[in-house]
């Protein structure tokens, strides 16, 4: 897969991908009790399919479970759905922003989403991805808080979330997250 890039931009209701706000209507009932909506991204390989990311609502649990297989971040693949009205699953201090369409060229120094290619790690430690690779997963995309817009809450402590894709099934999961 070619490298693709997306930016965090001002909220635009005509754009499908977004970070913050209420979860998509379609998955409102699928969110476990202790999880909150983080973002919904356009799947870079499938038309009209989204990847919604949920994070544990307890920061201590999130930080203690930051590496596969016990990562407290979930990814749900689903058809596109408008923003729902479930405010109880929104991260209240994370304002709604849109995620631009994917481009083949990174047009600024601070990336937000990078699909494919080699991940840009914050910490270069093998233990983050060794078990993922042993179990047939490869790097798929990363969301880097360095690319947030001003005045956004750093959910991952000014870090990055790395999603991995299974080489046979194509299932997308949260692999790990790192912080600086």
C-alpha atoms as a PDB file:
ATOM      1  CA  UNK A   1       0.000   0.000   0.000  1.00  0.00           C
ATOM      2  CA  UNK A   2       1.222   3.480  -0.886  1.00  0.00           C
ATOM      3  CA  UNK A   3       1.752   5.940   1.913  1.00  0.00           C
ATOM      4  CA  UNK A   4      -1.218   8.224   2.455  1.00  0.00           C
ATOM      5  CA  UNK A   5      -1.607  11.198   4.758  1.00  0.00           C
ATOM      6  CA  UNK A   6      -4.555  13.050   6.317  1.00  0.00           C
ATOM      7  CA  UNK A   7      -4.740  16.234   8.364  1.00  0.00           C
ATOM      8  CA  UNK A   8      -6.810  17.299  11.338  1.00  0.00           C
ATOM      9  CA  UNK A   9      -8.882  20.245  10.079  1.00  0.00           C
ATOM     10  CA  UNK A  10     -11.744  22.458  11.274  1.00  0.00           C
ATOM     11  CA  UNK A  11     -15.012  20.588  11.602  1.00  0.00           C
ATOM     12  CA  UNK A  12     -16.906  20.250   8.325  1.00  0.00           C
ATOM     13  CA  UNK A  13     -20.129  18.210   8.424  1.00  0.00           C
ATOM     14  CA  UNK A  14     -19.632  17.287   4.749  1.00  0.00           C
ATOM     15  CA  UNK A  15     -16.481  15.297   5.569  1.00  0.00           C
ATOM     16  CA  UNK A  16     -16.926  11.717   6.821  1.00  0.00           C
ATOM     17  CA  UNK A  17     -13.851  11.326   9.044  1.00  0.00           C
ATOM     18  CA  UNK A  18     -13.701  13.118  12.380  1.00  0.00           C
ATOM     19  CA  UNK A  19     -12.157  13.116  15.800  1.00  0.00           C
ATOM     20  CA  UNK A  20     -14.174  13.977  18.903  1.00  0.00           C
ATOM     21  CA  UNK A  21     -17.891  14.429  19.364  1.00  0.00           C
ATOM     22  CA  UNK A  22     -20.507  11.729  19.739  1.00  0.00           C
ATOM     23  CA  UNK A  23     -20.044   8.225  18.330  1.00  0.00           C
ATOM     24  CA  UNK A  24     -21.598   7.302  14.968  1.00  0.00           C
ATOM     25  CA  UNK A  25     -25.307   6.372  15.199  1.00  0.00           C
ATOM     26  CA  UNK A  26     -24.718   2.920  13.749  1.00  0.00           C
ATOM     27  CA  UNK A  27     -22.405   1.715  16.524  1.00  0.00           C
ATOM     28  CA  UNK A  28     -23.948   3.459  19.537  1.00  0.00           C
ATOM     29  CA  UNK A  29     -25.150   0.179  21.053  1.00  0.00           C
ATOM     30  CA  UNK A  30     -21.843  -1.652  20.397  1.00  0.00           C
ATOM     31  CA  UNK A  31     -19.705   0.501  22.681  1.00  0.00           C
ATOM     32  CA  UNK A  32     -18.691  -1.292  25.895  1.00  0.00           C
ATOM     33  CA  UNK A  33     -19.670   0.485  29.121  1.00  0.00           C
ATOM     34  CA  UNK A  34     -16.173   1.613  30.037  1.00  0.00           C
ATOM     35  CA  UNK A  35     -15.207   2.923  26.592  1.00  0.00           C
ATOM     36  CA  UNK A  36     -15.524   6.350  24.968  1.00  0.00           C
ATOM     37  CA  UNK A  37     -15.597   7.467  21.333  1.00  0.00           C
ATOM     38  CA  UNK A  38     -12.291   8.883  20.082  1.00  0.00           C
ATOM     39  CA  UNK A  39     -12.446   9.071  16.266  1.00  0.00           C
ATOM     40  CA  UNK A  40     -13.968   7.621  13.107  1.00  0.00           C
ATOM     41  CA  UNK A  41     -11.759   7.370  10.020  1.00  0.00           C
ATOM     42  CA  UNK A  42     -12.551   6.581   6.428  1.00  0.00           C
ATOM     43  CA  UNK A  43     -11.084   3.130   5.767  1.00  0.00           C
ATOM     44  CA  UNK A  44      -8.279   3.834   3.289  1.00  0.00           C
ATOM     45  CA  UNK A  45      -8.814   0.521   1.448  1.00  0.00           C
ATOM     46  CA  UNK A  46     -12.610   0.124   1.452  1.00  0.00           C
ATOM     47  CA  UNK A  47     -15.232   2.423  -0.028  1.00  0.00           C
ATOM     48  CA  UNK A  48     -17.927   3.765   2.344  1.00  0.00           C
ATOM     49  CA  UNK A  49     -16.416   1.854   5.299  1.00  0.00           C
ATOM     50  CA  UNK A  50     -15.277   3.519   8.497  1.00  0.00           C
ATOM     51  CA  UNK A  51     -12.909   2.569  11.301  1.00  0.00           C
ATOM     52  CA  UNK A  52     -14.185   3.848  14.632  1.00  0.00           C
ATOM     53  CA  UNK A  53     -11.738   3.991  17.514  1.00  0.00           C
ATOM     54  CA  UNK A  54     -12.836   3.686  21.142  1.00  0.00           C
ATOM     55  CA  UNK A  55     -10.624   4.218  24.185  1.00  0.00           C
ATOM     56  CA  UNK A  56     -11.040   3.142  27.801  1.00  0.00           C
ATOM     57  CA  UNK A  57     -12.506   5.902  29.970  1.00  0.00           C
ATOM     58  CA  UNK A  58     -10.084   5.288  32.864  1.00  0.00           C
ATOM     59  CA  UNK A  59      -6.677   6.771  32.089  1.00  0.00           C
ATOM     60  CA  UNK A  60      -4.834   4.423  34.476  1.00  0.00           C
ATOM     61  CA  UNK A  61      -6.345   1.433  32.648  1.00  0.00           C
ATOM     62  CA  UNK A  62      -5.490   2.994  29.293  1.00  0.00           C
ATOM     63  CA  UNK A  63      -1.846   3.559  30.253  1.00  0.00           C
ATOM     64  CA  UNK A  64      -1.436   0.122  31.906  1.00  0.00           C
ATOM     65  CA  UNK A  65      -2.913  -1.575  28.819  1.00  0.00           C
ATOM     66  CA  UNK A  66      -1.160   0.178  25.954  1.00  0.00           C
ATOM     67  CA  UNK A  67       0.280  -2.806  24.020  1.00  0.00           C
ATOM     68  CA  UNK A  68      -1.299  -5.741  22.161  1.00  0.00           C
ATOM     69  CA  UNK A  69      -2.810  -8.133  23.168  1.00  0.00           C
ATOM     70  CA  UNK A  70      -4.136  -6.285  26.214  1.00  0.00           C
ATOM     71  CA  UNK A  71      -4.605  -2.816  24.751  1.00  0.00           C
ATOM     72  CA  UNK A  72      -7.528  -0.773  26.095  1.00  0.00           C
ATOM     73  CA  UNK A  73      -8.306   0.655  22.640  1.00  0.00           C
ATOM     74  CA  UNK A  74     -10.868  -0.949  20.322  1.00  0.00           C
ATOM     75  CA  UNK A  75     -11.431  -0.582  16.574  1.00  0.00           C
ATOM     76  CA  UNK A  76     -14.849  -1.226  15.006  1.00  0.00           C
ATOM     77  CA  UNK A  77     -15.222  -1.481  11.225  1.00  0.00           C
ATOM     78  CA  UNK A  78     -18.657  -0.428   9.941  1.00  0.00           C
ATOM     79  CA  UNK A  79     -20.536   1.326   7.157  1.00  0.00           C
ATOM     80  CA  UNK A  80     -20.579   5.113   7.191  1.00  0.00           C
ATOM     81  CA  UNK A  81     -22.958   6.604   9.735  1.00  0.00           C
ATOM     82  CA  UNK A  82     -23.784  10.161  10.797  1.00  0.00           C
ATOM     83  CA  UNK A  83     -22.819  11.406  14.249  1.00  0.00           C
ATOM     84  CA  UNK A  84     -25.247  10.073  16.843  1.00  0.00           C
ATOM     85  CA  UNK A  85     -26.753  11.837  19.834  1.00  0.00           C
ATOM     86  CA  UNK A  86     -25.158   9.716  22.601  1.00  0.00           C
ATOM     87  CA  UNK A  87     -23.282  12.386  24.559  1.00  0.00           C
ATOM     88  CA  UNK A  88     -22.464   9.882  27.339  1.00  0.00           C
ATOM     89  CA  UNK A  89     -19.858   8.214  25.093  1.00  0.00           C
ATOM     90  CA  UNK A  90     -18.174  11.464  23.966  1.00  0.00           C
ATOM     91  CA  UNK A  91     -14.860  12.670  25.388  1.00  0.00           C
ATOM     92  CA  UNK A  92     -16.182  16.010  26.584  1.00  0.00           C
ATOM     93  CA  UNK A  93     -12.863  17.890  26.453  1.00  0.00           C
ATOM     94  CA  UNK A  94     -12.003  16.688  22.912  1.00  0.00           C
ATOM     95  CA  UNK A  95     -13.636  19.120  20.476  1.00  0.00           C
ATOM     96  CA  UNK A  96     -15.030  17.895  17.152  1.00  0.00           C
ATOM     97  CA  UNK A  97     -12.600  18.280  14.254  1.00  0.00           C
ATOM     98  CA  UNK A  98     -12.677  16.737  10.810  1.00  0.00           C
ATOM     99  CA  UNK A  99     -10.135  14.459   9.183  1.00  0.00           C
ATOM    100  CA  UNK A 100      -9.188  15.502   5.659  1.00  0.00           C
ATOM    101  CA  UNK A 101      -9.284  13.207   2.658  1.00  0.00           C
ATOM    102  CA  UNK A 102      -6.170  11.081   2.229  1.00  0.00           C
ATOM    103  CA  UNK A 103      -3.399  12.509   0.048  1.00  0.00           C
ATOM    104  CA  UNK A 104      -0.252  10.882  -1.313  1.00  0.00           C
ATOM    105  CA  UNK A 105       1.920  13.781  -0.212  1.00  0.00           C
ATOM    106  CA  UNK A 106       2.510  14.970   3.335  1.00  0.00           C
ATOM    107  CA  UNK A 107       2.160  18.722   2.949  1.00  0.00           C
ATOM    108  CA  UNK A 108       3.268  19.865   6.387  1.00  0.00           C
ATOM    109  CA  UNK A 109       5.827  18.905   9.038  1.00  0.00           C
ATOM    110  CA  UNK A 110       3.307  17.660  11.572  1.00  0.00           C
ATOM    111  CA  UNK A 111       1.484  14.583  10.361  1.00  0.00           C
ATOM    112  CA  UNK A 112      -1.837  13.568  11.876  1.00  0.00           C
ATOM    113  CA  UNK A 113      -2.601  10.307  10.081  1.00  0.00           C
ATOM    114  CA  UNK A 114      -0.092   8.258   8.140  1.00  0.00           C
ATOM    115  CA  UNK A 115      -1.283   5.138   6.303  1.00  0.00           C
ATOM    116  CA  UNK A 116       1.148   2.494   5.086  1.00  0.00           C
ATOM    117  CA  UNK A 117       4.895   2.660   4.701  1.00  0.00           C
ATOM    118  CA  UNK A 118       6.999   2.583   7.837  1.00  0.00           C
ATOM    119  CA  UNK A 119       5.598   3.812  11.151  1.00  0.00           C
ATOM    120  CA  UNK A 120       7.144   6.845  12.764  1.00  0.00           C
ATOM    121  CA  UNK A 121       7.718   5.674  16.323  1.00  0.00           C
ATOM    122  CA  UNK A 122       8.088   7.926  19.343  1.00  0.00           C
ATOM    123  CA  UNK A 123       9.971   5.145  21.157  1.00  0.00           C
ATOM    124  CA  UNK A 124      11.950   2.670  19.031  1.00  0.00           C
ATOM    125  CA  UNK A 125      11.486  -0.464  21.161  1.00  0.00           C
ATOM    126  CA  UNK A 126      10.907  -3.869  19.543  1.00  0.00           C
ATOM    127  CA  UNK A 127       8.565  -5.069  22.303  1.00  0.00           C
ATOM    128  CA  UNK A 128       5.829  -2.753  21.016  1.00  0.00           C
ATOM    129  CA  UNK A 129       5.342  -4.662  17.762  1.00  0.00           C
ATOM    130  CA  UNK A 130       7.117  -8.057  18.113  1.00  0.00           C
ATOM    131  CA  UNK A 131       4.051 -10.008  19.264  1.00  0.00           C
ATOM    132  CA  UNK A 132       1.866  -8.336  16.654  1.00  0.00           C
ATOM    133  CA  UNK A 133       4.218  -9.441  13.883  1.00  0.00           C
ATOM    134  CA  UNK A 134       4.509 -12.971  15.353  1.00  0.00           C
ATOM    135  CA  UNK A 135       0.702 -13.203  15.190  1.00  0.00           C
ATOM    136  CA  UNK A 136       0.502 -12.160  11.550  1.00  0.00           C
ATOM    137  CA  UNK A 137      -0.141  -8.408  11.835  1.00  0.00           C
ATOM    138  CA  UNK A 138       1.549  -5.597   9.908  1.00  0.00           C
ATOM    139  CA  UNK A 139       1.584  -1.858  10.450  1.00  0.00           C
ATOM    140  CA  UNK A 140      -1.488  -0.220   8.887  1.00  0.00           C
ATOM    141  CA  UNK A 141      -1.735   3.395  10.084  1.00  0.00           C
ATOM    142  CA  UNK A 142      -0.863   5.769  12.866  1.00  0.00           C
ATOM    143  CA  UNK A 143      -2.630   8.725  14.403  1.00  0.00           C
ATOM    144  CA  UNK A 144      -0.118  11.195  15.786  1.00  0.00           C
ATOM    145  CA  UNK A 145      -1.231  13.856  18.254  1.00  0.00           C
ATOM    146  CA  UNK A 146       1.584  16.058  16.985  1.00  0.00           C
ATOM    147  CA  UNK A 147      -0.775  16.774  14.081  1.00  0.00           C
ATOM    148  CA  UNK A 148      -3.700  17.957  16.227  1.00  0.00           C
ATOM    149  CA  UNK A 149      -5.090  21.436  15.739  1.00  0.00           C
ATOM    150  CA  UNK A 150      -4.583  24.011  18.507  1.00  0.00           C
ATOM    151  CA  UNK A 151      -6.580  23.679  21.733  1.00  0.00           C
ATOM    152  CA  UNK A 152      -7.215  19.930  21.420  1.00  0.00           C
ATOM    153  CA  UNK A 153      -6.932  17.556  24.384  1.00  0.00           C
ATOM    154  CA  UNK A 154      -3.992  15.161  24.132  1.00  0.00           C
ATOM    155  CA  UNK A 155      -5.753  11.879  24.901  1.00  0.00           C
ATOM    156  CA  UNK A 156      -2.508   9.894  24.440  1.00  0.00           C
ATOM    157  CA  UNK A 157      -0.246  12.360  26.311  1.00  0.00           C
ATOM    158  CA  UNK A 158       1.045  13.996  23.101  1.00  0.00           C
ATOM    159  CA  UNK A 159       1.568  10.530  21.701  1.00  0.00           C
ATOM    160  CA  UNK A 160       0.543   8.316  18.820  1.00  0.00           C
ATOM    161  CA  UNK A 161      -1.778   5.358  18.271  1.00  0.00           C
ATOM    162  CA  UNK A 162      -0.674   2.583  15.904  1.00  0.00           C
ATOM    163  CA  UNK A 163      -3.224   0.381  14.132  1.00  0.00           C
ATOM    164  CA  UNK A 164      -2.231  -2.986  12.657  1.00  0.00           C
ATOM    165  CA  UNK A 165      -3.866  -5.171  10.013  1.00  0.00           C
ATOM    166  CA  UNK A 166      -3.914  -8.970  10.001  1.00  0.00           C
ATOM    167  CA  UNK A 167      -2.059 -10.285   6.954  1.00  0.00           C
ATOM    168  CA  UNK A 168      -4.661 -13.004   6.208  1.00  0.00           C
ATOM    169  CA  UNK A 169      -8.031 -11.804   7.536  1.00  0.00           C
ATOM    170  CA  UNK A 170      -7.549  -8.062   6.964  1.00  0.00           C
ATOM    171  CA  UNK A 171      -8.930  -7.292  10.448  1.00  0.00           C
ATOM    172  CA  UNK A 172      -7.753  -3.907  11.777  1.00  0.00           C
ATOM    173  CA  UNK A 173      -6.863  -3.693  15.480  1.00  0.00           C
ATOM    174  CA  UNK A 174      -5.172  -1.242  17.828  1.00  0.00           C
ATOM    175  CA  UNK A 175      -1.602  -2.479  18.199  1.00  0.00           C
ATOM    176  CA  UNK A 176      -0.210  -0.054  20.766  1.00  0.00           C
ATOM    177  CA  UNK A 177       0.140   3.574  21.674  1.00  0.00           C
ATOM    178  CA  UNK A 178       3.190   5.526  22.723  1.00  0.00           C
ATOM    179  CA  UNK A 179       3.724   8.908  24.330  1.00  0.00           C
ATOM    180  CA  UNK A 180       6.600  11.314  24.712  1.00  0.00           C
END
